[in-house]
């Protein structure tokens, strides 16, 4: 481990970075003028709670601010060092955490195990909304099977969700991460909900997986049309 990585692994440094990130993102949120689409999305969520909130890697920094009605939300965050900083930031913005991560081969939550999957099921049973990235690390914008299996097991709908801002910096990394900037025009867009049958076979699970992917991409396209158009 390099000296920089060792420094970044110190709990005090992680707490400082996580809380600083949270303060910055709160400032971005407070100085952003949002368009919400569809306008009645929160009424619909109130009628059919809890839900599974799907997002893409790289589009996730502002996602804590989808919580406009003080819902109880927990996010799946990896156990990696960077995940620890993200978890501290999320909790500083009022979002609880479940620790674990996805897997390229489609086996859900190998890094963090069955425990994280079980924890999310338990939270949904208690009425907690669960937020997680639909894609797994290093495979951007391709939905994995995990979120679909979670919906099938829990019986809860998947809501594809995107927050975009007109002022932003796009990084040249694997997920094209967006750093949202303050004093911007913003869009919160929810895509078409996806319901996964409890008795879904492999073919149905794959169809629902593609539906999550397509609906999340459509929501992302629409969000950027609003802020850039």
C-alpha atoms as a PDB file:
ATOM      1  CA  UNK A   1       0.000   0.000   0.000  1.00  0.00           C
ATOM      2  CA  UNK A   2       1.412   3.379  -0.982  1.00  0.00           C
ATOM      3  CA  UNK A   3       1.777   6.167   1.566  1.00  0.00           C
ATOM      4  CA  UNK A   4      -1.194   8.022  -0.006  1.00  0.00           C
ATOM      5  CA  UNK A   5      -3.403   4.942   0.281  1.00  0.00           C
ATOM      6  CA  UNK A   6      -2.306   4.388   3.877  1.00  0.00           C
ATOM      7  CA  UNK A   7      -3.127   8.021   4.654  1.00  0.00           C
ATOM      8  CA  UNK A   8      -6.533   7.689   2.979  1.00  0.00           C
ATOM      9  CA  UNK A   9      -7.296   4.543   4.975  1.00  0.00           C
ATOM     10  CA  UNK A  10      -7.058   6.347   8.323  1.00  0.00           C
ATOM     11  CA  UNK A  11     -10.506   6.633   9.963  1.00  0.00           C
ATOM     12  CA  UNK A  12     -10.004  10.309  10.813  1.00  0.00           C
ATOM     13  CA  UNK A  13      -9.133  11.144   7.208  1.00  0.00           C
ATOM     14  CA  UNK A  14     -12.112   9.167   5.931  1.00  0.00           C
ATOM     15  CA  UNK A  15     -14.474  10.979   8.303  1.00  0.00           C
ATOM     16  CA  UNK A  16     -13.107  14.356   7.210  1.00  0.00           C
ATOM     17  CA  UNK A  17     -13.429  13.535   3.516  1.00  0.00           C
ATOM     18  CA  UNK A  18     -16.898  12.036   3.871  1.00  0.00           C
ATOM     19  CA  UNK A  19     -18.275  14.991   5.814  1.00  0.00           C
ATOM     20  CA  UNK A  20     -16.632  17.492   3.481  1.00  0.00           C
ATOM     21  CA  UNK A  21     -18.210  15.775   0.479  1.00  0.00           C
ATOM     22  CA  UNK A  22     -21.604  15.884   2.202  1.00  0.00           C
ATOM     23  CA  UNK A  23     -21.285  19.607   2.957  1.00  0.00           C
ATOM     24  CA  UNK A  24     -20.342  20.345  -0.640  1.00  0.00           C
ATOM     25  CA  UNK A  25     -23.212  18.317  -2.108  1.00  0.00           C
ATOM     26  CA  UNK A  26     -25.698  19.960   0.254  1.00  0.00           C
ATOM     27  CA  UNK A  27     -24.484  23.323  -1.033  1.00  0.00           C
ATOM     28  CA  UNK A  28     -24.971  22.148  -4.632  1.00  0.00           C
ATOM     29  CA  UNK A  29     -28.493  20.958  -3.797  1.00  0.00           C
ATOM     30  CA  UNK A  30     -29.473  24.225  -2.107  1.00  0.00           C
ATOM     31  CA  UNK A  31     -28.302  26.327  -5.048  1.00  0.00           C
ATOM     32  CA  UNK A  32     -29.898  24.161  -7.750  1.00  0.00           C
ATOM     33  CA  UNK A  33     -33.315  24.834  -9.323  1.00  0.00           C
ATOM     34  CA  UNK A  34     -34.956  21.483 -10.032  1.00  0.00           C
ATOM     35  CA  UNK A  35     -37.506  20.243 -12.494  1.00  0.00           C
ATOM     36  CA  UNK A  36     -39.161  17.074 -11.170  1.00  0.00           C
ATOM     37  CA  UNK A  37     -40.584  14.605 -13.672  1.00  0.00           C
ATOM     38  CA  UNK A  38     -43.126  13.146 -13.413  1.00  0.00           C
ATOM     39  CA  UNK A  39     -44.524  15.848 -11.160  1.00  0.00           C
ATOM     40  CA  UNK A  40     -46.592  13.366  -9.119  1.00  0.00           C
ATOM     41  CA  UNK A  41     -43.791  10.868  -8.493  1.00  0.00           C
ATOM     42  CA  UNK A  42     -43.787  11.362  -4.711  1.00  0.00           C
ATOM     43  CA  UNK A  43     -47.535  10.812  -4.475  1.00  0.00           C
ATOM     44  CA  UNK A  44     -47.081   7.562  -6.346  1.00  0.00           C
ATOM     45  CA  UNK A  45     -44.238   6.514  -4.052  1.00  0.00           C
ATOM     46  CA  UNK A  46     -46.439   7.281  -1.039  1.00  0.00           C
ATOM     47  CA  UNK A  47     -49.075   4.921  -2.412  1.00  0.00           C
ATOM     48  CA  UNK A  48     -46.679   2.049  -3.107  1.00  0.00           C
ATOM     49  CA  UNK A  49     -43.897   2.062  -0.539  1.00  0.00           C
ATOM     50  CA  UNK A  50     -41.270   0.925   0.028  1.00  0.00           C
ATOM     51  CA  UNK A  51     -39.436   0.824  -3.290  1.00  0.00           C
ATOM     52  CA  UNK A  52     -36.047  -0.101  -4.706  1.00  0.00           C
ATOM     53  CA  UNK A  53     -34.361   2.991  -6.167  1.00  0.00           C
ATOM     54  CA  UNK A  54     -32.073   2.158  -9.098  1.00  0.00           C
ATOM     55  CA  UNK A  55     -29.262   4.453 -10.228  1.00  0.00           C
ATOM     56  CA  UNK A  56     -26.141   4.256 -12.361  1.00  0.00           C
ATOM     57  CA  UNK A  57     -22.578   4.471 -11.129  1.00  0.00           C
ATOM     58  CA  UNK A  58     -21.209   7.908 -11.967  1.00  0.00           C
ATOM     59  CA  UNK A  59     -24.657   9.501 -11.713  1.00  0.00           C
ATOM     60  CA  UNK A  60     -25.050   8.831  -8.005  1.00  0.00           C
ATOM     61  CA  UNK A  61     -23.509  11.776  -6.149  1.00  0.00           C
ATOM     62  CA  UNK A  62     -26.724  13.816  -5.890  1.00  0.00           C
ATOM     63  CA  UNK A  63     -29.028  10.852  -5.352  1.00  0.00           C
ATOM     64  CA  UNK A  64     -29.477  11.422  -1.583  1.00  0.00           C
ATOM     65  CA  UNK A  65     -31.511  14.479  -2.528  1.00  0.00           C
ATOM     66  CA  UNK A  66     -34.279  12.448  -4.139  1.00  0.00           C
ATOM     67  CA  UNK A  67     -35.526  12.221  -0.560  1.00  0.00           C
ATOM     68  CA  UNK A  68     -37.890  15.211  -0.563  1.00  0.00           C
ATOM     69  CA  UNK A  69     -40.399  13.757   1.924  1.00  0.00           C
ATOM     70  CA  UNK A  70     -38.159  12.434   4.683  1.00  0.00           C
ATOM     71  CA  UNK A  71     -38.473   8.806   3.697  1.00  0.00           C
ATOM     72  CA  UNK A  72     -36.312   6.260   5.472  1.00  0.00           C
ATOM     73  CA  UNK A  73     -33.770   5.257   2.802  1.00  0.00           C
ATOM     74  CA  UNK A  74     -30.733   3.014   3.005  1.00  0.00           C
ATOM     75  CA  UNK A  75     -28.146   2.684   0.247  1.00  0.00           C
ATOM     76  CA  UNK A  76     -26.027  -0.313  -0.661  1.00  0.00           C
ATOM     77  CA  UNK A  77     -22.389   0.823  -0.463  1.00  0.00           C
ATOM     78  CA  UNK A  78     -19.270  -1.296  -0.974  1.00  0.00           C
ATOM     79  CA  UNK A  79     -16.889  -2.244   1.818  1.00  0.00           C
ATOM     80  CA  UNK A  80     -13.943  -0.838  -0.132  1.00  0.00           C
ATOM     81  CA  UNK A  81     -11.947   2.072   1.314  1.00  0.00           C
ATOM     82  CA  UNK A  82     -13.661   4.501  -1.069  1.00  0.00           C
ATOM     83  CA  UNK A  83     -16.961   2.963  -0.033  1.00  0.00           C
ATOM     84  CA  UNK A  84     -16.246   3.911   3.569  1.00  0.00           C
ATOM     85  CA  UNK A  85     -15.913   7.558   2.567  1.00  0.00           C
ATOM     86  CA  UNK A  86     -19.127   7.312   0.530  1.00  0.00           C
ATOM     87  CA  UNK A  87     -20.925   5.732   3.489  1.00  0.00           C
ATOM     88  CA  UNK A  88     -19.857   8.550   5.813  1.00  0.00           C
ATOM     89  CA  UNK A  89     -21.022  11.123   3.256  1.00  0.00           C
ATOM     90  CA  UNK A  90     -24.359   9.348   2.720  1.00  0.00           C
ATOM     91  CA  UNK A  91     -25.078   9.153   6.427  1.00  0.00           C
ATOM     92  CA  UNK A  92     -24.224  12.861   6.806  1.00  0.00           C
ATOM     93  CA  UNK A  93     -26.937  13.502   4.191  1.00  0.00           C
ATOM     94  CA  UNK A  94     -29.522  11.430   6.041  1.00  0.00           C
ATOM     95  CA  UNK A  95     -29.154   8.173   4.111  1.00  0.00           C
ATOM     96  CA  UNK A  96     -28.502   4.939   6.005  1.00  0.00           C
ATOM     97  CA  UNK A  97     -26.247   2.240   4.605  1.00  0.00           C
ATOM     98  CA  UNK A  98     -26.073  -1.477   3.923  1.00  0.00           C
ATOM     99  CA  UNK A  99     -22.528  -2.613   3.194  1.00  0.00           C
ATOM    100  CA  UNK A 100     -21.726  -4.979   0.295  1.00  0.00           C
ATOM    101  CA  UNK A 101     -21.133  -4.851  -3.472  1.00  0.00           C
ATOM    102  CA  UNK A 102     -21.954  -6.506  -6.776  1.00  0.00           C
ATOM    103  CA  UNK A 103     -20.241  -9.130  -8.884  1.00  0.00           C
ATOM    104  CA  UNK A 104     -19.436  -9.265 -12.612  1.00  0.00           C
ATOM    105  CA  UNK A 105     -20.679 -12.808 -13.120  1.00  0.00           C
ATOM    106  CA  UNK A 106     -24.191 -12.071 -11.932  1.00  0.00           C
ATOM    107  CA  UNK A 107     -23.822 -13.705  -8.517  1.00  0.00           C
ATOM    108  CA  UNK A 108     -25.221 -11.033  -6.263  1.00  0.00           C
ATOM    109  CA  UNK A 109     -23.199  -9.510  -3.473  1.00  0.00           C
ATOM    110  CA  UNK A 110     -20.264 -11.877  -3.467  1.00  0.00           C
ATOM    111  CA  UNK A 111     -18.209  -9.054  -1.894  1.00  0.00           C
ATOM    112  CA  UNK A 112     -20.146  -8.610   1.321  1.00  0.00           C
ATOM    113  CA  UNK A 113     -22.046 -11.825   0.980  1.00  0.00           C
ATOM    114  CA  UNK A 114     -25.543 -13.028   1.392  1.00  0.00           C
ATOM    115  CA  UNK A 115     -25.776 -10.947   4.565  1.00  0.00           C
ATOM    116  CA  UNK A 116     -26.140  -7.678   2.649  1.00  0.00           C
ATOM    117  CA  UNK A 117     -28.847  -9.153   0.415  1.00  0.00           C
ATOM    118  CA  UNK A 118     -30.689 -10.462   3.465  1.00  0.00           C
ATOM    119  CA  UNK A 119     -30.304  -7.095   5.188  1.00  0.00           C
ATOM    120  CA  UNK A 120     -31.884  -5.296   2.235  1.00  0.00           C
ATOM    121  CA  UNK A 121     -34.802  -7.733   2.225  1.00  0.00           C
ATOM    122  CA  UNK A 122     -35.291  -7.145   5.942  1.00  0.00           C
ATOM    123  CA  UNK A 123     -35.184  -3.369   5.495  1.00  0.00           C
ATOM    124  CA  UNK A 124     -37.755  -3.500   2.711  1.00  0.00           C
ATOM    125  CA  UNK A 125     -39.968  -5.631   4.929  1.00  0.00           C
ATOM    126  CA  UNK A 126     -39.733  -2.923   7.603  1.00  0.00           C
ATOM    127  CA  UNK A 127     -40.785  -0.252   5.088  1.00  0.00           C
ATOM    128  CA  UNK A 128     -37.339   1.174   4.312  1.00  0.00           C
ATOM    129  CA  UNK A 129     -36.590   2.268   0.754  1.00  0.00           C
ATOM    130  CA  UNK A 130     -33.417   0.707  -0.652  1.00  0.00           C
ATOM    131  CA  UNK A 131     -31.164   2.594  -3.105  1.00  0.00           C
ATOM    132  CA  UNK A 132     -28.453   0.862  -5.105  1.00  0.00           C
ATOM    133  CA  UNK A 133     -26.552   1.124  -8.352  1.00  0.00           C
ATOM    134  CA  UNK A 134     -28.030  -1.167 -10.976  1.00  0.00           C
ATOM    135  CA  UNK A 135     -24.648  -1.710 -12.624  1.00  0.00           C
ATOM    136  CA  UNK A 136     -21.682  -3.370 -10.925  1.00  0.00           C
ATOM    137  CA  UNK A 137     -18.175  -1.837 -10.715  1.00  0.00           C
ATOM    138  CA  UNK A 138     -16.201  -1.615 -13.980  1.00  0.00           C
ATOM    139  CA  UNK A 139     -19.245  -2.542 -16.102  1.00  0.00           C
ATOM    140  CA  UNK A 140     -20.928   0.828 -16.466  1.00  0.00           C
ATOM    141  CA  UNK A 141     -24.512   1.326 -17.610  1.00  0.00           C
ATOM    142  CA  UNK A 142     -25.284  -2.392 -17.851  1.00  0.00           C
ATOM    143  CA  UNK A 143     -27.779  -3.537 -15.255  1.00  0.00           C
ATOM    144  CA  UNK A 144     -26.774  -6.555 -13.236  1.00  0.00           C
ATOM    145  CA  UNK A 145     -29.078  -9.336 -12.126  1.00  0.00           C
ATOM    146  CA  UNK A 146     -28.832  -8.511  -8.418  1.00  0.00           C
ATOM    147  CA  UNK A 147     -31.320  -5.656  -8.322  1.00  0.00           C
ATOM    148  CA  UNK A 148     -33.835  -7.757 -10.260  1.00  0.00           C
ATOM    149  CA  UNK A 149     -33.485 -10.684  -7.854  1.00  0.00           C
ATOM    150  CA  UNK A 150     -33.961  -8.295  -4.938  1.00  0.00           C
ATOM    151  CA  UNK A 151     -37.209  -7.052  -6.487  1.00  0.00           C
ATOM    152  CA  UNK A 152     -38.391 -10.598  -7.155  1.00  0.00           C
ATOM    153  CA  UNK A 153     -37.678 -11.792  -3.613  1.00  0.00           C
ATOM    154  CA  UNK A 154     -39.111  -8.695  -1.921  1.00  0.00           C
ATOM    155  CA  UNK A 155     -42.097  -8.031  -4.158  1.00  0.00           C
ATOM    156  CA  UNK A 156     -41.187  -4.344  -4.270  1.00  0.00           C
ATOM    157  CA  UNK A 157     -41.037  -2.217  -7.447  1.00  0.00           C
ATOM    158  CA  UNK A 158     -37.837  -0.843  -8.962  1.00  0.00           C
ATOM    159  CA  UNK A 159     -37.824   2.912  -9.636  1.00  0.00           C
ATOM    160  CA  UNK A 160     -35.118   4.039 -12.101  1.00  0.00           C
ATOM    161  CA  UNK A 161     -33.980   7.472 -10.916  1.00  0.00           C
ATOM    162  CA  UNK A 162     -31.554  10.122 -12.187  1.00  0.00           C
ATOM    163  CA  UNK A 163     -30.496  13.563 -10.968  1.00  0.00           C
ATOM    164  CA  UNK A 164     -28.644  15.714 -13.498  1.00  0.00           C
ATOM    165  CA  UNK A 165     -27.343  19.280 -13.377  1.00  0.00           C
ATOM    166  CA  UNK A 166     -26.504  21.666 -16.179  1.00  0.00           C
ATOM    167  CA  UNK A 167     -23.225  22.694 -14.545  1.00  0.00           C
ATOM    168  CA  UNK A 168     -21.006  19.652 -14.051  1.00  0.00           C
ATOM    169  CA  UNK A 169     -17.601  18.135 -14.629  1.00  0.00           C
ATOM    170  CA  UNK A 170     -17.412  14.723 -16.324  1.00  0.00           C
ATOM    171  CA  UNK A 171     -14.397  12.625 -15.424  1.00  0.00           C
ATOM    172  CA  UNK A 172     -12.608  10.325 -17.847  1.00  0.00           C
ATOM    173  CA  UNK A 173     -12.996   7.173 -15.771  1.00  0.00           C
ATOM    174  CA  UNK A 174     -14.814   3.863 -16.240  1.00  0.00           C
ATOM    175  CA  UNK A 175     -18.244   5.197 -15.232  1.00  0.00           C
ATOM    176  CA  UNK A 176     -17.857   8.780 -16.554  1.00  0.00           C
ATOM    177  CA  UNK A 177     -18.557  10.167 -13.077  1.00  0.00           C
ATOM    178  CA  UNK A 178     -20.284  13.544 -12.945  1.00  0.00           C
ATOM    179  CA  UNK A 179     -19.225  16.120 -10.367  1.00  0.00           C
ATOM    180  CA  UNK A 180     -22.245  18.368 -10.009  1.00  0.00           C
ATOM    181  CA  UNK A 181     -21.565  22.087  -9.569  1.00  0.00           C
ATOM    182  CA  UNK A 182     -23.559  24.688  -7.610  1.00  0.00           C
ATOM    183  CA  UNK A 183     -25.855  27.422  -8.964  1.00  0.00           C
ATOM    184  CA  UNK A 184     -27.200  25.126 -11.633  1.00  0.00           C
ATOM    185  CA  UNK A 185     -30.382  24.013 -13.337  1.00  0.00           C
ATOM    186  CA  UNK A 186     -31.244  20.503 -12.247  1.00  0.00           C
ATOM    187  CA  UNK A 187     -33.593  17.658 -13.121  1.00  0.00           C
ATOM    188  CA  UNK A 188     -34.909  14.805 -11.016  1.00  0.00           C
ATOM    189  CA  UNK A 189     -36.384  12.186 -13.323  1.00  0.00           C
ATOM    190  CA  UNK A 190     -37.994   8.868 -12.446  1.00  0.00           C
ATOM    191  CA  UNK A 191     -38.297   6.288 -15.205  1.00  0.00           C
ATOM    192  CA  UNK A 192     -40.993   3.688 -15.720  1.00  0.00           C
ATOM    193  CA  UNK A 193     -41.266   1.383 -12.743  1.00  0.00           C
ATOM    194  CA  UNK A 194     -40.292  -2.270 -13.106  1.00  0.00           C
ATOM    195  CA  UNK A 195     -42.191  -5.036 -11.306  1.00  0.00           C
ATOM    196  CA  UNK A 196     -40.552  -8.465 -11.122  1.00  0.00           C
ATOM    197  CA  UNK A 197     -42.779 -11.495 -10.470  1.00  0.00           C
ATOM    198  CA  UNK A 198     -41.993 -13.555  -7.390  1.00  0.00           C
ATOM    199  CA  UNK A 199     -41.989 -16.734  -9.492  1.00  0.00           C
ATOM    200  CA  UNK A 200     -39.830 -15.276 -12.291  1.00  0.00           C
ATOM    201  CA  UNK A 201     -37.824 -17.856 -14.216  1.00  0.00           C
ATOM    202  CA  UNK A 202     -34.450 -17.111 -15.803  1.00  0.00           C
ATOM    203  CA  UNK A 203     -36.025 -15.793 -19.004  1.00  0.00           C
ATOM    204  CA  UNK A 204     -38.315 -13.431 -17.081  1.00  0.00           C
ATOM    205  CA  UNK A 205     -35.461 -12.236 -14.878  1.00  0.00           C
ATOM    206  CA  UNK A 206     -33.400 -11.412 -17.968  1.00  0.00           C
ATOM    207  CA  UNK A 207     -36.323  -9.554 -19.534  1.00  0.00           C
ATOM    208  CA  UNK A 208     -36.766  -7.517 -16.354  1.00  0.00           C
ATOM    209  CA  UNK A 209     -33.027  -6.857 -16.183  1.00  0.00           C
ATOM    210  CA  UNK A 210     -33.098  -5.383 -19.696  1.00  0.00           C
ATOM    211  CA  UNK A 211     -36.181  -3.385 -18.757  1.00  0.00           C
ATOM    212  CA  UNK A 212     -34.374  -1.830 -15.776  1.00  0.00           C
ATOM    213  CA  UNK A 213     -31.430  -0.996 -18.016  1.00  0.00           C
ATOM    214  CA  UNK A 214     -33.592   0.528 -20.752  1.00  0.00           C
ATOM    215  CA  UNK A 215     -35.780   2.502 -18.338  1.00  0.00           C
ATOM    216  CA  UNK A 216     -32.802   3.866 -16.429  1.00  0.00           C
ATOM    217  CA  UNK A 217     -31.100   4.914 -19.662  1.00  0.00           C
ATOM    218  CA  UNK A 218     -34.318   6.586 -20.814  1.00  0.00           C
ATOM    219  CA  UNK A 219     -34.576   8.485 -17.520  1.00  0.00           C
ATOM    220  CA  UNK A 220     -30.947   9.580 -17.810  1.00  0.00           C
ATOM    221  CA  UNK A 221     -31.476  10.779 -21.388  1.00  0.00           C
ATOM    222  CA  UNK A 222     -34.551  12.723 -20.351  1.00  0.00           C
ATOM    223  CA  UNK A 223     -32.791  14.327 -17.354  1.00  0.00           C
ATOM    224  CA  UNK A 224     -29.972  15.629 -19.545  1.00  0.00           C
ATOM    225  CA  UNK A 225     -32.462  16.832 -22.151  1.00  0.00           C
ATOM    226  CA  UNK A 226     -34.086  18.950 -19.445  1.00  0.00           C
ATOM    227  CA  UNK A 227     -30.900  20.484 -18.073  1.00  0.00           C
ATOM    228  CA  UNK A 228     -29.035  20.882 -21.369  1.00  0.00           C
ATOM    229  CA  UNK A 229     -31.914  21.520 -23.744  1.00  0.00           C
END
